[in-house]
Amino acid sequence: MQECIDQKVYRAEVDNLPAAFEDGSVNGGYRPGGSSLSIRTANPGNHVEIRAAYIGTTIVVRQTAGQLSFSIRVAEDVARAFSAEQDLQLCVAGCPPSQRLSRSERNRRGAIPVDAARRLCKQGLPVEDAYFQSCVFDVFISGDPNFTMPARTALEDARAFLPDLEKLHLFPSDAGVPRSPATPLGPLLAGLFFLWLCIQ
């Protein structure tokens, strides 16, 4: 959108969630449409919101439980506007080695049993939807009860993003994935994206 805004890059890392683009700016520049791109924070270091009004897109980046996560609301026309060759990657290098969790490390840390993970997640996520399943997966794999928070904040973002609350809860059958109450789901691509804990 050269006639609208300057190209901007946003870069975040764990413990470094800046409230500005990489060049230090907080909007799309001095062109007539520059104000239609903005970045702001309500909770410095933990929550950044990038709005690109000219393409109907909002990106929320959070640091929760020592991990980064993001939620995106984007117009379908924009999401489908790029071919696979043009596709822009939000996470280009995978998980940093320092944030990977090996199976042996998981065993040393002591995993939380699935039933206990389900109870922990049920406290903040009473509906057993994709948010609940991702919570169970994260808590079970990490062995850390704090991993209930990323799924809760993703659900909060969805509430803010979706005008139709009947579409708020994503169920496995909605994504063409068979439902199995005993098996946590893998990532679902359904308008909201989750950064998953890396396991090697």
N, C-alpha and C. Protein backbone atom coordinates (compact mmCIF):
# COMPACT_ATOMS: atom_id res chain seq x y z
N MET A 1 0.84 -1.19 0.00
CA MET A 1 0.00 0.00 0.00
C MET A 1 0.88 1.26 0.00
N GLN A 2 1.73 1.40 -1.01
CA GLN A 2 2.70 2.49 -1.01
C GLN A 2 2.04 3.86 -1.00
N GLU A 3 0.85 3.96 -1.60
CA GLU A 3 0.18 5.26 -1.61
C GLU A 3 -0.46 5.58 -0.26
N CYS A 4 -0.47 4.61 0.66
CA CYS A 4 -1.19 4.76 1.92
C CYS A 4 -0.26 4.92 3.11
N ILE A 5 0.67 3.98 3.28
CA ILE A 5 1.54 4.02 4.45
C ILE A 5 2.95 3.60 4.07
N ASP A 6 3.90 3.91 4.94
CA ASP A 6 5.25 3.39 4.81
C ASP A 6 5.27 1.95 5.31
N GLN A 7 6.15 1.13 4.73
CA GLN A 7 6.28 -0.25 5.21
C GLN A 7 6.88 -0.24 6.60
N LYS A 8 6.30 -1.04 7.49
CA LYS A 8 6.77 -1.09 8.87
C LYS A 8 7.06 -2.54 9.27
N VAL A 9 8.02 -2.70 10.14
CA VAL A 9 8.38 -4.01 10.67
C VAL A 9 8.20 -3.97 12.18
N TYR A 10 7.54 -4.99 12.72
CA TYR A 10 7.42 -5.12 14.17
C TYR A 10 8.14 -6.39 14.59
N ARG A 11 9.02 -6.28 15.56
CA ARG A 11 9.80 -7.42 16.02
C ARG A 11 9.64 -7.54 17.54
N ALA A 12 9.25 -8.74 17.99
CA ALA A 12 9.09 -8.99 19.42
C ALA A 12 9.83 -10.27 19.79
N GLU A 13 10.31 -10.30 21.00
CA GLU A 13 10.94 -11.48 21.58
C GLU A 13 10.47 -11.59 23.02
N VAL A 14 10.66 -12.75 23.63
CA VAL A 14 10.33 -12.90 25.04
C VAL A 14 11.13 -11.86 25.82
N ASP A 15 10.44 -11.19 26.72
CA ASP A 15 11.00 -10.11 27.55
C ASP A 15 11.40 -8.89 26.75
N ASN A 16 10.94 -8.78 25.52
CA ASN A 16 11.17 -7.57 24.72
C ASN A 16 9.98 -7.39 23.78
N LEU A 17 8.93 -6.77 24.32
CA LEU A 17 7.69 -6.54 23.58
C LEU A 17 7.53 -5.03 23.42
N PRO A 18 8.20 -4.44 22.43
CA PRO A 18 8.19 -2.97 22.32
C PRO A 18 6.84 -2.42 21.89
N ALA A 19 6.57 -1.19 22.29
CA ALA A 19 5.33 -0.50 21.93
C ALA A 19 5.58 0.42 20.74
N ALA A 20 6.45 -0.01 19.82
CA ALA A 20 6.77 0.77 18.62
C ALA A 20 7.27 -0.18 17.55
N PHE A 21 7.22 0.28 16.31
CA PHE A 21 7.80 -0.50 15.22
C PHE A 21 9.32 -0.46 15.33
N GLU A 22 9.97 -1.26 14.50
CA GLU A 22 11.42 -1.38 14.59
C GLU A 22 12.14 -0.05 14.41
N ASP A 23 11.55 0.87 13.62
CA ASP A 23 12.19 2.17 13.40
C ASP A 23 11.85 3.20 14.49
N GLY A 24 11.12 2.77 15.53
CA GLY A 24 10.77 3.66 16.64
C GLY A 24 9.45 4.39 16.46
N SER A 25 8.83 4.27 15.30
CA SER A 25 7.56 4.97 15.04
C SER A 25 6.38 4.21 15.64
N VAL A 26 5.24 4.91 15.77
CA VAL A 26 4.03 4.30 16.31
C VAL A 26 2.86 4.41 15.33
N ASN A 27 3.15 4.80 14.08
CA ASN A 27 2.10 4.85 13.06
C ASN A 27 2.71 4.56 11.69
N GLY A 28 1.89 4.72 10.65
CA GLY A 28 2.31 4.37 9.31
C GLY A 28 3.05 5.44 8.54
N GLY A 29 3.47 6.50 9.21
CA GLY A 29 4.26 7.52 8.54
C GLY A 29 3.47 8.77 8.22
N TYR A 30 4.05 9.62 7.39
CA TYR A 30 3.49 10.95 7.14
C TYR A 30 2.62 11.04 5.90
N ARG A 31 2.46 9.95 5.19
CA ARG A 31 1.57 9.97 4.01
C ARG A 31 0.13 10.16 4.47
N PRO A 32 -0.75 10.52 3.55
CA PRO A 32 -2.14 10.82 3.95
C PRO A 32 -2.83 9.70 4.75
N GLY A 33 -2.51 8.45 4.45
CA GLY A 33 -3.16 7.35 5.18
C GLY A 33 -2.34 6.81 6.33
N GLY A 34 -1.24 7.47 6.67
CA GLY A 34 -0.34 6.95 7.70
C GLY A 34 -0.97 6.69 9.04
N SER A 35 -1.98 7.47 9.40
CA SER A 35 -2.61 7.28 10.71
C SER A 35 -3.50 6.04 10.75
N SER A 36 -3.74 5.42 9.59
CA SER A 36 -4.58 4.21 9.58
C SER A 36 -3.82 2.98 10.05
N LEU A 37 -2.52 3.13 10.29
CA LEU A 37 -1.71 2.07 10.92
C LEU A 37 -1.20 2.62 12.23
N SER A 38 -1.48 1.91 13.32
CA SER A 38 -1.04 2.40 14.62
C SER A 38 -0.65 1.24 15.52
N ILE A 39 0.16 1.56 16.50
CA ILE A 39 0.57 0.58 17.50
C ILE A 39 0.41 1.22 18.86
N ARG A 40 -0.11 0.45 19.81
CA ARG A 40 -0.29 0.99 21.16
C ARG A 40 -0.18 -0.15 22.16
N THR A 41 -0.03 0.21 23.41
CA THR A 41 0.03 -0.79 24.47
C THR A 41 -0.83 -0.35 25.63
N ALA A 42 -1.56 -1.30 26.20
CA ALA A 42 -2.34 -1.03 27.40
C ALA A 42 -1.58 -1.53 28.62
N ASN A 43 -0.64 -2.45 28.39
CA ASN A 43 0.12 -3.06 29.48
C ASN A 43 1.55 -3.22 29.00
N PRO A 44 2.39 -2.21 29.16
CA PRO A 44 3.75 -2.23 28.60
C PRO A 44 4.52 -3.49 28.96
N GLY A 45 5.16 -4.05 27.94
CA GLY A 45 5.95 -5.26 28.12
C GLY A 45 5.16 -6.55 28.08
N ASN A 46 3.82 -6.45 28.10
CA ASN A 46 2.99 -7.66 28.13
C ASN A 46 1.92 -7.72 27.05
N HIS A 47 1.56 -6.57 26.48
CA HIS A 47 0.41 -6.56 25.56
C HIS A 47 0.56 -5.40 24.59
N VAL A 48 0.67 -5.73 23.30
CA VAL A 48 0.77 -4.71 22.26
C VAL A 48 -0.32 -4.98 21.23
N GLU A 49 -0.94 -3.91 20.75
CA GLU A 49 -1.99 -4.03 19.73
C GLU A 49 -1.61 -3.20 18.52
N ILE A 50 -1.60 -3.85 17.37
CA ILE A 50 -1.30 -3.18 16.10
C ILE A 50 -2.59 -3.16 15.29
N ARG A 51 -3.00 -1.96 14.87
CA ARG A 51 -4.21 -1.83 14.06
C ARG A 51 -3.85 -1.31 12.68
N ALA A 52 -4.31 -2.01 11.67
CA ALA A 52 -4.16 -1.58 10.29
C ALA A 52 -5.56 -1.39 9.73
N ALA A 53 -6.15 -0.23 10.02
CA ALA A 53 -7.55 0.03 9.67
C ALA A 53 -7.79 -0.04 8.17
N TYR A 54 -6.79 0.34 7.37
CA TYR A 54 -6.96 0.38 5.92
C TYR A 54 -7.16 -1.00 5.31
N ILE A 55 -6.80 -2.07 6.04
CA ILE A 55 -7.06 -3.43 5.57
C ILE A 55 -7.88 -4.21 6.59
N GLY A 56 -8.50 -3.53 7.53
CA GLY A 56 -9.39 -4.18 8.50
C GLY A 56 -8.70 -5.25 9.34
N THR A 57 -7.48 -4.98 9.78
CA THR A 57 -6.70 -5.98 10.50
C THR A 57 -6.26 -5.46 11.86
N THR A 58 -6.37 -6.34 12.86
CA THR A 58 -5.85 -6.06 14.20
C THR A 58 -5.00 -7.24 14.63
N ILE A 59 -3.82 -6.96 15.17
CA ILE A 59 -2.92 -7.99 15.68
C ILE A 59 -2.65 -7.68 17.14
N VAL A 60 -2.88 -8.65 18.01
CA VAL A 60 -2.57 -8.50 19.43
C VAL A 60 -1.42 -9.44 19.75
N VAL A 61 -0.34 -8.89 20.29
CA VAL A 61 0.82 -9.69 20.69
C VAL A 61 0.91 -9.63 22.20
N ARG A 62 1.05 -10.79 22.83
CA ARG A 62 1.10 -10.84 24.30
C ARG A 62 2.30 -11.68 24.76
N GLN A 63 2.77 -11.33 25.94
CA GLN A 63 3.70 -12.22 26.63
C GLN A 63 2.96 -12.73 27.85
N THR A 64 2.80 -14.04 27.90
CA THR A 64 2.09 -14.68 29.00
C THR A 64 2.83 -15.96 29.36
N ALA A 65 3.03 -16.20 30.62
CA ALA A 65 3.69 -17.41 31.10
C ALA A 65 5.05 -17.61 30.44
N GLY A 66 5.75 -16.51 30.21
CA GLY A 66 7.09 -16.60 29.64
C GLY A 66 7.15 -16.97 28.17
N GLN A 67 6.03 -16.85 27.46
CA GLN A 67 5.96 -17.17 26.04
C GLN A 67 5.24 -16.04 25.30
N LEU A 68 5.52 -15.92 24.00
CA LEU A 68 4.78 -14.97 23.17
C LEU A 68 3.61 -15.68 22.51
N SER A 69 2.52 -14.96 22.39
CA SER A 69 1.37 -15.46 21.63
C SER A 69 0.80 -14.29 20.86
N PHE A 70 0.04 -14.60 19.83
CA PHE A 70 -0.61 -13.53 19.09
C PHE A 70 -1.96 -13.97 18.59
N SER A 71 -2.85 -13.01 18.44
CA SER A 71 -4.17 -13.22 17.87
C SER A 71 -4.32 -12.22 16.74
N ILE A 72 -4.98 -12.64 15.68
CA ILE A 72 -5.15 -11.78 14.51
C ILE A 72 -6.60 -11.78 14.07
N ARG A 73 -7.09 -10.59 13.80
CA ARG A 73 -8.39 -10.44 13.15
C ARG A 73 -8.08 -9.81 11.80
N VAL A 74 -8.48 -10.49 10.74
CA VAL A 74 -8.15 -10.00 9.40
C VAL A 74 -9.33 -10.26 8.47
N ALA A 75 -9.55 -9.35 7.53
CA ALA A 75 -10.61 -9.53 6.54
C ALA A 75 -10.26 -10.73 5.66
N GLU A 76 -11.26 -11.52 5.31
CA GLU A 76 -11.02 -12.71 4.50
C GLU A 76 -10.37 -12.36 3.16
N ASP A 77 -10.78 -11.25 2.55
CA ASP A 77 -10.20 -10.85 1.27
C ASP A 77 -8.69 -10.60 1.41
N VAL A 78 -8.29 -10.02 2.53
CA VAL A 78 -6.87 -9.76 2.75
C VAL A 78 -6.13 -11.07 2.99
N ALA A 79 -6.73 -11.95 3.81
CA ALA A 79 -6.08 -13.23 4.12
C ALA A 79 -5.85 -14.06 2.87
N ARG A 80 -6.75 -13.94 1.89
CA ARG A 80 -6.64 -14.76 0.68
C ARG A 80 -5.97 -14.02 -0.48
N ALA A 81 -5.46 -12.83 -0.22
CA ALA A 81 -4.93 -12.00 -1.30
C ALA A 81 -3.54 -12.42 -1.76
N PHE A 82 -2.86 -13.30 -1.03
CA PHE A 82 -1.49 -13.67 -1.36
C PHE A 82 -1.42 -15.13 -1.76
N SER A 83 -0.61 -15.40 -2.76
CA SER A 83 -0.36 -16.79 -3.14
C SER A 83 0.65 -17.38 -2.17
N ALA A 84 0.87 -18.69 -2.26
CA ALA A 84 1.82 -19.35 -1.36
C ALA A 84 3.22 -18.76 -1.53
N GLU A 85 3.56 -18.35 -2.76
CA GLU A 85 4.89 -17.79 -3.01
C GLU A 85 5.05 -16.41 -2.37
N GLN A 86 3.94 -15.67 -2.24
CA GLN A 86 3.99 -14.31 -1.67
C GLN A 86 3.74 -14.29 -0.17
N ASP A 87 3.35 -15.43 0.37
CA ASP A 87 2.90 -15.48 1.75
C ASP A 87 3.95 -14.93 2.71
N LEU A 88 3.50 -14.08 3.63
CA LEU A 88 4.40 -13.52 4.64
C LEU A 88 4.32 -14.38 5.89
N GLN A 89 5.45 -14.69 6.46
CA GLN A 89 5.50 -15.55 7.63
C GLN A 89 5.57 -14.71 8.89
N LEU A 90 4.73 -15.03 9.87
CA LEU A 90 4.77 -14.31 11.14
C LEU A 90 5.86 -14.86 12.05
N CYS A 91 6.16 -16.12 11.90
CA CYS A 91 7.20 -16.73 12.71
C CYS A 91 8.15 -17.41 11.73
N VAL A 92 9.29 -16.79 11.46
CA VAL A 92 10.14 -17.25 10.36
C VAL A 92 11.24 -18.21 10.77
N ALA A 93 11.59 -18.25 12.04
CA ALA A 93 12.73 -19.07 12.43
C ALA A 93 12.36 -20.19 13.40
N GLY A 94 11.08 -20.37 13.68
CA GLY A 94 10.70 -21.39 14.65
C GLY A 94 11.04 -20.94 16.07
N CYS A 95 10.98 -21.87 17.00
CA CYS A 95 11.26 -21.54 18.39
C CYS A 95 12.75 -21.45 18.62
N PRO A 96 13.21 -20.44 19.35
CA PRO A 96 14.62 -20.36 19.69
C PRO A 96 15.04 -21.59 20.50
N PRO A 97 16.27 -22.05 20.34
CA PRO A 97 16.73 -23.25 21.09
C PRO A 97 16.50 -23.14 22.59
N SER A 98 16.64 -21.93 23.15
CA SER A 98 16.47 -21.76 24.60
C SER A 98 15.03 -21.99 25.06
N GLN A 99 14.07 -21.98 24.12
CA GLN A 99 12.67 -22.13 24.49
C GLN A 99 12.09 -23.47 24.05
N ARG A 100 12.92 -24.35 23.54
CA ARG A 100 12.44 -25.68 23.16
C ARG A 100 12.42 -26.58 24.38
N LEU A 101 11.44 -27.45 24.42
CA LEU A 101 11.28 -28.36 25.55
C LEU A 101 11.42 -29.78 25.02
N SER A 102 12.49 -30.44 25.41
CA SER A 102 12.70 -31.81 24.96
C SER A 102 11.86 -32.76 25.79
N ARG A 103 11.62 -33.94 25.28
CA ARG A 103 10.84 -34.93 26.04
C ARG A 103 11.54 -35.29 27.35
N SER A 104 12.86 -35.40 27.33
CA SER A 104 13.56 -35.76 28.56
C SER A 104 13.44 -34.64 29.59
N GLU A 105 13.49 -33.39 29.14
CA GLU A 105 13.32 -32.27 30.06
C GLU A 105 11.92 -32.27 30.64
N ARG A 106 10.94 -32.58 29.81
CA ARG A 106 9.56 -32.65 30.27
C ARG A 106 9.43 -33.69 31.37
N ASN A 107 10.06 -34.84 31.16
CA ASN A 107 9.98 -35.90 32.17
C ASN A 107 10.67 -35.47 33.47
N ARG A 108 11.78 -34.72 33.38
CA ARG A 108 12.46 -34.25 34.58
C ARG A 108 11.60 -33.23 35.33
N ARG A 109 10.93 -32.38 34.60
CA ARG A 109 10.13 -31.33 35.24
C ARG A 109 8.89 -31.91 35.91
N GLY A 110 8.46 -33.04 35.42
CA GLY A 110 7.26 -33.64 35.98
C GLY A 110 6.01 -33.11 35.30
N ALA A 111 5.46 -33.90 34.42
CA ALA A 111 4.27 -33.48 33.69
C ALA A 111 3.06 -33.48 34.61
N ILE A 112 2.14 -32.63 34.31
CA ILE A 112 0.86 -32.62 35.02
C ILE A 112 -0.03 -33.64 34.30
N PRO A 113 -0.64 -34.57 35.03
CA PRO A 113 -1.52 -35.54 34.38
C PRO A 113 -2.65 -34.84 33.62
N VAL A 114 -3.13 -35.48 32.57
CA VAL A 114 -4.17 -34.89 31.72
C VAL A 114 -5.40 -34.51 32.54
N ASP A 115 -5.83 -35.38 33.47
CA ASP A 115 -7.02 -35.06 34.27
C ASP A 115 -6.81 -33.80 35.11
N ALA A 116 -5.61 -33.66 35.68
CA ALA A 116 -5.32 -32.46 36.48
C ALA A 116 -5.25 -31.23 35.57
N ALA A 117 -4.67 -31.38 34.38
CA ALA A 117 -4.62 -30.26 33.43
C ALA A 117 -6.02 -29.84 33.03
N ARG A 118 -6.90 -30.81 32.82
CA ARG A 118 -8.29 -30.50 32.46
C ARG A 118 -8.98 -29.71 33.59
N ARG A 119 -8.73 -30.11 34.83
CA ARG A 119 -9.35 -29.40 35.97
C ARG A 119 -8.84 -27.96 36.06
N LEU A 120 -7.53 -27.79 35.88
CA LEU A 120 -6.96 -26.44 35.91
C LEU A 120 -7.55 -25.56 34.81
N CYS A 121 -7.66 -26.10 33.63
CA CYS A 121 -8.17 -25.32 32.49
C CYS A 121 -9.66 -25.02 32.64
N LYS A 122 -10.38 -25.94 33.23
CA LYS A 122 -11.84 -25.79 33.38
C LYS A 122 -12.17 -24.59 34.26
N GLN A 123 -11.25 -24.20 35.15
CA GLN A 123 -11.52 -23.08 36.06
C GLN A 123 -11.74 -21.78 35.29
N GLY A 124 -11.00 -21.57 34.21
CA GLY A 124 -11.16 -20.32 33.45
C GLY A 124 -11.79 -20.51 32.09
N LEU A 125 -11.93 -21.77 31.67
CA LEU A 125 -12.47 -22.07 30.34
C LEU A 125 -13.52 -23.16 30.48
N PRO A 126 -14.73 -22.82 30.90
CA PRO A 126 -15.75 -23.86 31.18
C PRO A 126 -16.25 -24.59 29.95
N VAL A 127 -16.14 -23.98 28.76
CA VAL A 127 -16.61 -24.64 27.53
C VAL A 127 -15.45 -25.45 26.94
N GLU A 128 -15.67 -26.72 26.66
CA GLU A 128 -14.60 -27.59 26.16
C GLU A 128 -14.45 -27.44 24.65
N ASP A 129 -13.93 -26.28 24.27
CA ASP A 129 -13.74 -25.96 22.86
C ASP A 129 -12.25 -25.99 22.51
N ALA A 130 -11.86 -25.40 21.40
CA ALA A 130 -10.45 -25.41 20.98
C ALA A 130 -9.56 -24.66 21.97
N TYR A 131 -10.07 -23.60 22.60
CA TYR A 131 -9.28 -22.87 23.58
C TYR A 131 -8.99 -23.77 24.79
N PHE A 132 -10.02 -24.47 25.23
CA PHE A 132 -9.86 -25.40 26.35
C PHE A 132 -8.87 -26.50 25.99
N GLN A 133 -9.02 -27.08 24.79
CA GLN A 133 -8.13 -28.17 24.38
C GLN A 133 -6.68 -27.70 24.27
N SER A 134 -6.46 -26.49 23.75
CA SER A 134 -5.09 -25.98 23.66
C SER A 134 -4.52 -25.74 25.05
N CYS A 135 -5.36 -25.30 25.98
CA CYS A 135 -4.95 -25.10 27.37
C CYS A 135 -4.51 -26.43 27.98
N VAL A 136 -5.30 -27.47 27.80
CA VAL A 136 -4.97 -28.79 28.34
C VAL A 136 -3.64 -29.27 27.76
N PHE A 137 -3.48 -29.11 26.46
CA PHE A 137 -2.24 -29.52 25.80
C PHE A 137 -1.04 -28.79 26.40
N ASP A 138 -1.13 -27.45 26.50
CA ASP A 138 -0.01 -26.65 27.01
C ASP A 138 0.34 -27.00 28.45
N VAL A 139 -0.67 -27.13 29.31
CA VAL A 139 -0.42 -27.43 30.72
C VAL A 139 0.14 -28.84 30.86
N PHE A 140 -0.43 -29.79 30.14
CA PHE A 140 0.03 -31.18 30.20
C PHE A 140 1.48 -31.30 29.73
N ILE A 141 1.82 -30.67 28.61
CA ILE A 141 3.17 -30.79 28.05
C ILE A 141 4.19 -30.02 28.86
N SER A 142 3.84 -28.82 29.30
CA SER A 142 4.81 -27.97 30.00
C SER A 142 4.98 -28.36 31.46
N GLY A 143 3.94 -28.92 32.06
CA GLY A 143 3.98 -29.18 33.49
C GLY A 143 3.87 -27.92 34.32
N ASP A 144 3.39 -26.83 33.70
CA ASP A 144 3.34 -25.52 34.35
C ASP A 144 1.89 -25.03 34.38
N PRO A 145 1.29 -24.89 35.56
CA PRO A 145 -0.10 -24.41 35.65
C PRO A 145 -0.30 -23.02 35.07
N ASN A 146 0.78 -22.20 34.97
CA ASN A 146 0.66 -20.87 34.39
C ASN A 146 0.27 -20.90 32.92
N PHE A 147 0.43 -22.06 32.28
CA PHE A 147 0.09 -22.16 30.87
C PHE A 147 -1.41 -22.21 30.61
N THR A 148 -2.22 -22.01 31.65
CA THR A 148 -3.65 -21.81 31.42
C THR A 148 -3.91 -20.41 30.85
N MET A 149 -2.99 -19.47 31.11
CA MET A 149 -3.22 -18.08 30.73
C MET A 149 -3.23 -17.81 29.22
N PRO A 150 -2.33 -18.38 28.41
CA PRO A 150 -2.39 -18.05 26.98
C PRO A 150 -3.73 -18.38 26.33
N ALA A 151 -4.33 -19.51 26.68
CA ALA A 151 -5.63 -19.87 26.10
C ALA A 151 -6.71 -18.91 26.58
N ARG A 152 -6.64 -18.51 27.84
CA ARG A 152 -7.64 -17.56 28.37
C ARG A 152 -7.54 -16.22 27.66
N THR A 153 -6.31 -15.73 27.46
CA THR A 153 -6.17 -14.43 26.80
C THR A 153 -6.56 -14.53 25.32
N ALA A 154 -6.32 -15.69 24.69
CA ALA A 154 -6.75 -15.88 23.30
C ALA A 154 -8.28 -15.82 23.22
N LEU A 155 -8.96 -16.39 24.20
CA LEU A 155 -10.43 -16.33 24.23
C LEU A 155 -10.90 -14.90 24.46
N GLU A 156 -10.20 -14.15 25.31
CA GLU A 156 -10.54 -12.73 25.51
C GLU A 156 -10.40 -11.95 24.20
N ASP A 157 -9.31 -12.22 23.48
CA ASP A 157 -9.12 -11.55 22.19
C ASP A 157 -10.25 -11.90 21.23
N ALA A 158 -10.64 -13.16 21.20
CA ALA A 158 -11.72 -13.59 20.30
C ALA A 158 -13.02 -12.87 20.65
N ARG A 159 -13.29 -12.70 21.94
CA ARG A 159 -14.50 -11.97 22.36
C ARG A 159 -14.47 -10.54 21.84
N ALA A 160 -13.28 -9.93 21.88
CA ALA A 160 -13.15 -8.55 21.40
C ALA A 160 -13.24 -8.47 19.88
N PHE A 161 -12.76 -9.50 19.19
CA PHE A 161 -12.69 -9.47 17.73
C PHE A 161 -14.00 -9.85 17.04
N LEU A 162 -14.75 -10.78 17.63
CA LEU A 162 -15.89 -11.35 16.92
C LEU A 162 -17.19 -10.63 17.25
N PRO A 163 -17.84 -10.05 16.24
CA PRO A 163 -19.12 -9.40 16.50
C PRO A 163 -20.23 -10.42 16.81
N ASP A 164 -20.11 -11.63 16.28
CA ASP A 164 -21.11 -12.68 16.47
C ASP A 164 -20.59 -13.65 17.52
N LEU A 165 -21.07 -13.52 18.77
CA LEU A 165 -20.56 -14.36 19.85
C LEU A 165 -20.94 -15.83 19.69
N GLU A 166 -21.88 -16.13 18.78
CA GLU A 166 -22.20 -17.53 18.52
C GLU A 166 -21.04 -18.24 17.83
N LYS A 167 -20.13 -17.47 17.22
CA LYS A 167 -18.97 -18.06 16.55
C LYS A 167 -17.74 -18.07 17.46
N LEU A 168 -17.91 -17.68 18.72
CA LEU A 168 -16.78 -17.54 19.63
C LEU A 168 -16.10 -18.87 19.92
N HIS A 169 -16.87 -19.89 20.20
CA HIS A 169 -16.30 -21.17 20.60
C HIS A 169 -16.06 -22.05 19.38
N LEU A 170 -14.80 -22.43 19.19
CA LEU A 170 -14.42 -23.31 18.08
C LEU A 170 -14.36 -24.73 18.58
N PHE A 171 -15.11 -25.61 17.94
CA PHE A 171 -15.13 -27.00 18.35
C PHE A 171 -14.43 -27.85 17.30
N PRO A 172 -13.89 -29.00 17.71
CA PRO A 172 -13.16 -29.84 16.75
C PRO A 172 -13.95 -30.15 15.50
N SER A 173 -15.25 -30.39 15.60
CA SER A 173 -16.05 -30.72 14.42
C SER A 173 -16.14 -29.54 13.46
N ASP A 174 -16.00 -28.31 13.99
CA ASP A 174 -16.04 -27.12 13.14
C ASP A 174 -14.84 -27.06 12.21
N ALA A 175 -13.73 -27.64 12.62
CA ALA A 175 -12.51 -27.59 11.83
C ALA A 175 -12.27 -28.88 11.06
N GLY A 176 -13.26 -29.79 11.09
CA GLY A 176 -13.09 -31.05 10.38
C GLY A 176 -12.18 -32.02 11.11
N VAL A 177 -11.99 -31.79 12.41
CA VAL A 177 -11.14 -32.68 13.21
C VAL A 177 -12.03 -33.53 14.07
N PRO A 178 -11.86 -34.86 14.08
CA PRO A 178 -12.72 -35.70 14.91
C PRO A 178 -12.56 -35.36 16.39
N ARG A 179 -13.65 -35.36 17.10
CA ARG A 179 -13.62 -35.00 18.52
C ARG A 179 -13.27 -36.20 19.37
N SER A 180 -12.32 -36.02 20.24
CA SER A 180 -11.92 -37.07 21.17
C SER A 180 -11.67 -36.43 22.51
N PRO A 181 -12.53 -36.67 23.50
CA PRO A 181 -12.39 -35.97 24.76
C PRO A 181 -11.11 -36.28 25.50
N ALA A 182 -10.47 -37.40 25.21
CA ALA A 182 -9.26 -37.77 25.95
C ALA A 182 -7.98 -37.26 25.30
N THR A 183 -8.08 -36.77 24.06
CA THR A 183 -6.88 -36.37 23.33
C THR A 183 -6.88 -34.88 23.09
N PRO A 184 -5.87 -34.15 23.62
CA PRO A 184 -5.80 -32.71 23.33
C PRO A 184 -5.59 -32.46 21.85
N LEU A 185 -6.17 -31.38 21.36
CA LEU A 185 -6.06 -31.05 19.94
C LEU A 185 -4.75 -30.37 19.63
N GLY A 186 -4.31 -30.53 18.40
CA GLY A 186 -3.18 -29.74 17.89
C GLY A 186 -3.69 -28.37 17.49
N PRO A 187 -2.83 -27.55 16.89
CA PRO A 187 -3.23 -26.20 16.52
C PRO A 187 -4.36 -26.20 15.49
N LEU A 188 -5.27 -25.28 15.64
CA LEU A 188 -6.35 -25.09 14.67
C LEU A 188 -6.15 -23.74 14.02
N LEU A 189 -6.29 -23.70 12.69
CA LEU A 189 -6.24 -22.42 12.00
C LEU A 189 -7.66 -22.04 11.68
N ALA A 190 -8.20 -21.13 12.44
CA ALA A 190 -9.59 -20.75 12.26
C ALA A 190 -9.79 -19.29 12.59
N GLY A 191 -8.94 -18.43 12.07
CA GLY A 191 -9.08 -17.01 12.32
C GLY A 191 -8.21 -16.53 13.46
N LEU A 192 -7.98 -17.40 14.44
CA LEU A 192 -7.05 -17.07 15.53
C LEU A 192 -5.89 -18.03 15.45
N PHE A 193 -4.71 -17.54 15.69
CA PHE A 193 -3.51 -18.34 15.59
C PHE A 193 -2.84 -18.37 16.94
N PHE A 194 -2.32 -19.52 17.31
CA PHE A 194 -1.62 -19.65 18.57
C PHE A 194 -0.18 -20.03 18.30
N LEU A 195 0.73 -19.45 19.03
CA LEU A 195 2.12 -19.92 18.99
C LEU A 195 2.21 -21.03 20.02
N TRP A 196 2.62 -22.19 19.56
CA TRP A 196 2.62 -23.36 20.43
C TRP A 196 3.98 -23.55 21.06
N LEU A 197 3.98 -24.11 22.23
CA LEU A 197 5.21 -24.49 22.89
C LEU A 197 5.95 -25.49 22.01
N CYS A 198 7.21 -25.27 21.78
CA CYS A 198 7.98 -26.14 20.89
C CYS A 198 8.42 -27.39 21.64
N ILE A 199 8.28 -28.51 20.98
CA ILE A 199 8.73 -29.77 21.56
C ILE A 199 9.64 -30.41 20.53
N GLN A 200 10.84 -30.81 20.94
CA GLN A 200 11.72 -31.47 19.98
C GLN A 200 11.90 -32.91 20.36
